[in-house]
């Protein structure tokens, strides 16, 4: 779906007020969440379920914030209603050439699990295997988003928060 179609379907709205500096700040924040989640996961060998829930939410937030930066770089942002769901849909539609279909499907499942963690009385458990997959997905997504933003801004490097270098 094109950006115009996303706007006409009220999934995103035009927003052209974000500077490259602001977009970089959002992407840096996403990498900070991802780095924090990776470090917490390394220090959780006993599979503490409460820590797993926190780690999972950190990974989810890394992906969401990076996607918001990506949308800002395209001159739009998700509408307020169902903001997280619309962020995932819009990013998936605009990045369809990036071969990330499975990542977006798993990320939408993460959104549902995160909602259960945050809003339901009976929370779910998150396995180490789910966290490992989500970390891989997040690294892949953030790398692709960083590359796309750099390409659009025609800068060689964004000079972001220290993170694992992008695979090119």
Protein backbone atom coordinates (compact mmCIF):
# COMPACT_ATOMS: atom_id res chain seq x y z
CA UNK A 1 0.00 0.00 0.00
CA UNK A 2 1.32 3.45 -0.83
CA UNK A 3 1.65 6.32 1.60
CA UNK A 4 -1.34 8.06 -0.04
CA UNK A 5 -3.46 4.93 0.41
CA UNK A 6 -2.42 4.67 4.08
CA UNK A 7 -3.45 8.31 4.56
CA UNK A 8 -6.78 7.85 2.77
CA UNK A 9 -7.54 4.77 4.90
CA UNK A 10 -6.80 6.77 8.07
CA UNK A 11 -3.91 4.51 9.12
CA UNK A 12 -1.38 7.36 9.07
CA UNK A 13 -1.63 11.11 8.86
CA UNK A 14 0.73 13.56 7.27
CA UNK A 15 3.31 14.96 9.66
CA UNK A 16 6.14 16.92 8.14
CA UNK A 17 7.46 18.69 11.21
CA UNK A 18 10.15 16.18 12.22
CA UNK A 19 13.77 17.11 11.61
CA UNK A 20 16.52 14.59 10.90
CA UNK A 21 17.86 15.31 14.41
CA UNK A 22 14.51 14.35 15.95
CA UNK A 23 14.32 11.21 13.82
CA UNK A 24 17.85 10.25 14.90
CA UNK A 25 16.86 10.75 18.55
CA UNK A 26 13.95 8.34 18.09
CA UNK A 27 16.21 5.79 16.42
CA UNK A 28 18.79 6.19 19.18
CA UNK A 29 16.09 5.55 21.75
CA UNK A 30 15.06 2.41 19.87
CA UNK A 31 18.65 1.13 19.92
CA UNK A 32 18.91 1.96 23.65
CA UNK A 33 15.83 -0.22 24.30
CA UNK A 34 17.26 -3.01 22.16
CA UNK A 35 20.69 -2.84 23.84
CA UNK A 36 19.02 -2.83 27.27
CA UNK A 37 16.93 -5.88 26.35
CA UNK A 38 19.99 -7.75 25.04
CA UNK A 39 21.96 -7.04 28.20
CA UNK A 40 19.07 -8.02 30.46
CA UNK A 41 18.60 -11.26 28.52
CA UNK A 42 22.28 -12.17 28.90
CA UNK A 43 21.93 -11.67 32.68
CA UNK A 44 18.80 -13.83 32.97
CA UNK A 45 20.16 -17.40 32.72
CA UNK A 46 17.61 -18.80 35.19
CA UNK A 47 14.73 -17.83 32.92
CA UNK A 48 13.09 -15.55 35.50
CA UNK A 49 9.61 -15.07 34.02
CA UNK A 50 9.14 -11.54 35.39
CA UNK A 51 12.41 -10.49 33.80
CA UNK A 52 11.40 -12.21 30.56
CA UNK A 53 8.24 -10.10 30.44
CA UNK A 54 10.23 -6.91 30.92
CA UNK A 55 12.79 -7.92 28.28
CA UNK A 56 10.02 -8.77 25.81
CA UNK A 57 8.40 -5.38 26.31
CA UNK A 58 11.78 -3.65 25.83
CA UNK A 59 12.26 -5.43 22.50
CA UNK A 60 8.73 -4.55 21.44
CA UNK A 61 9.31 -0.89 22.32
CA UNK A 62 12.59 -0.86 20.37
CA UNK A 63 10.73 -2.01 17.27
CA UNK A 64 7.83 0.39 17.78
CA UNK A 65 10.03 3.44 18.36
CA UNK A 66 12.22 2.61 15.35
CA UNK A 67 9.10 2.23 13.21
CA UNK A 68 7.86 5.61 14.43
CA UNK A 69 11.19 7.13 13.36
CA UNK A 70 10.82 5.46 9.98
CA UNK A 71 7.31 6.85 9.52
CA UNK A 72 8.52 10.32 10.53
CA UNK A 73 11.23 10.06 7.88
CA UNK A 74 8.43 9.42 5.37
CA UNK A 75 6.56 12.55 6.54
CA UNK A 76 3.80 10.80 8.45
CA UNK A 77 2.87 9.20 11.75
CA UNK A 78 0.30 6.65 12.84
CA UNK A 79 -3.15 7.89 13.79
CA UNK A 80 -3.91 8.08 17.50
CA UNK A 81 -6.54 5.32 17.60
CA UNK A 82 -4.87 1.89 17.70
CA UNK A 83 -1.54 3.72 17.40
CA UNK A 84 0.71 0.69 17.90
CA UNK A 85 -1.30 -1.52 15.55
CA UNK A 86 -1.36 1.21 12.89
CA UNK A 87 2.40 1.79 13.30
CA UNK A 88 3.06 -1.88 12.57
CA UNK A 89 0.67 -1.96 9.59
CA UNK A 90 1.98 1.24 8.03
CA UNK A 91 5.63 0.24 8.46
CA UNK A 92 4.96 -3.23 7.04
CA UNK A 93 3.17 -1.74 4.03
CA UNK A 94 5.86 0.88 3.35
CA UNK A 95 8.72 -1.63 3.79
CA UNK A 96 7.19 -4.49 1.79
CA UNK A 97 10.26 -4.70 -0.49
CA UNK A 98 12.51 -5.45 2.49
CA UNK A 99 11.52 -9.15 2.84
CA UNK A 100 10.36 -8.70 6.42
CA UNK A 101 6.89 -10.26 6.18
CA UNK A 102 7.53 -12.85 8.90
CA UNK A 103 9.10 -10.21 11.15
CA UNK A 104 5.97 -8.07 10.90
CA UNK A 105 3.68 -11.04 11.59
CA UNK A 106 5.70 -11.95 14.71
CA UNK A 107 5.85 -8.29 15.76
CA UNK A 108 2.06 -8.00 15.61
CA UNK A 109 1.86 -11.13 17.81
CA UNK A 110 4.30 -9.40 20.18
CA UNK A 111 1.91 -6.43 20.31
CA UNK A 112 -0.89 -8.72 21.45
CA UNK A 113 1.32 -10.38 24.09
CA UNK A 114 2.49 -6.96 25.27
CA UNK A 115 -1.15 -5.88 25.62
CA UNK A 116 -1.82 -8.98 27.72
CA UNK A 117 1.19 -8.20 29.90
CA UNK A 118 0.13 -4.59 30.40
CA UNK A 119 -3.64 -4.78 30.59
CA UNK A 120 -4.82 -8.25 31.63
CA UNK A 121 -4.97 -9.59 35.17
CA UNK A 122 -3.70 -13.00 34.10
CA UNK A 123 -0.43 -12.33 32.29
CA UNK A 124 1.15 -14.75 29.90
CA UNK A 125 4.60 -16.32 30.04
CA UNK A 126 7.28 -15.53 27.48
CA UNK A 127 9.85 -18.21 26.72
CA UNK A 128 13.55 -17.68 26.18
CA UNK A 129 13.05 -18.93 22.62
CA UNK A 130 10.45 -16.20 21.99
CA UNK A 131 12.83 -13.58 23.34
CA UNK A 132 15.71 -14.86 21.21
CA UNK A 133 13.53 -14.67 18.09
CA UNK A 134 12.24 -11.20 19.00
CA UNK A 135 15.81 -9.94 19.52
CA UNK A 136 16.80 -11.25 16.06
CA UNK A 137 13.71 -9.68 14.51
CA UNK A 138 14.32 -6.35 16.22
CA UNK A 139 17.96 -6.21 15.12
CA UNK A 140 16.92 -7.01 11.57
CA UNK A 141 14.14 -4.41 11.55
CA UNK A 142 16.24 -1.66 13.15
CA UNK A 143 19.07 -2.28 10.69
CA UNK A 144 16.69 -2.01 7.73
CA UNK A 145 15.05 1.11 9.13
CA UNK A 146 18.41 2.74 9.79
CA UNK A 147 19.52 1.93 6.24
CA UNK A 148 16.31 3.35 4.75
CA UNK A 149 16.52 6.55 6.77
CA UNK A 150 20.19 7.01 5.80
CA UNK A 151 19.32 6.41 2.15
CA UNK A 152 16.48 8.92 2.25
CA UNK A 153 18.51 11.55 4.07
CA UNK A 154 21.46 10.88 1.71
CA UNK A 155 23.90 10.87 4.60
CA UNK A 156 26.67 8.31 4.71
CA UNK A 157 26.07 7.51 8.38
CA UNK A 158 23.55 8.76 10.91
CA UNK A 159 26.11 8.59 13.76
CA UNK A 160 23.76 6.87 16.13
CA UNK A 161 23.97 5.54 19.65
CA UNK A 162 26.58 2.76 19.83
CA UNK A 163 25.04 -0.50 18.69
CA UNK A 164 25.94 -3.58 16.73
CA UNK A 165 26.94 -2.37 13.26
CA UNK A 166 24.38 -2.88 10.55
CA UNK A 167 24.89 -5.85 8.26
CA UNK A 168 25.30 -4.52 4.70
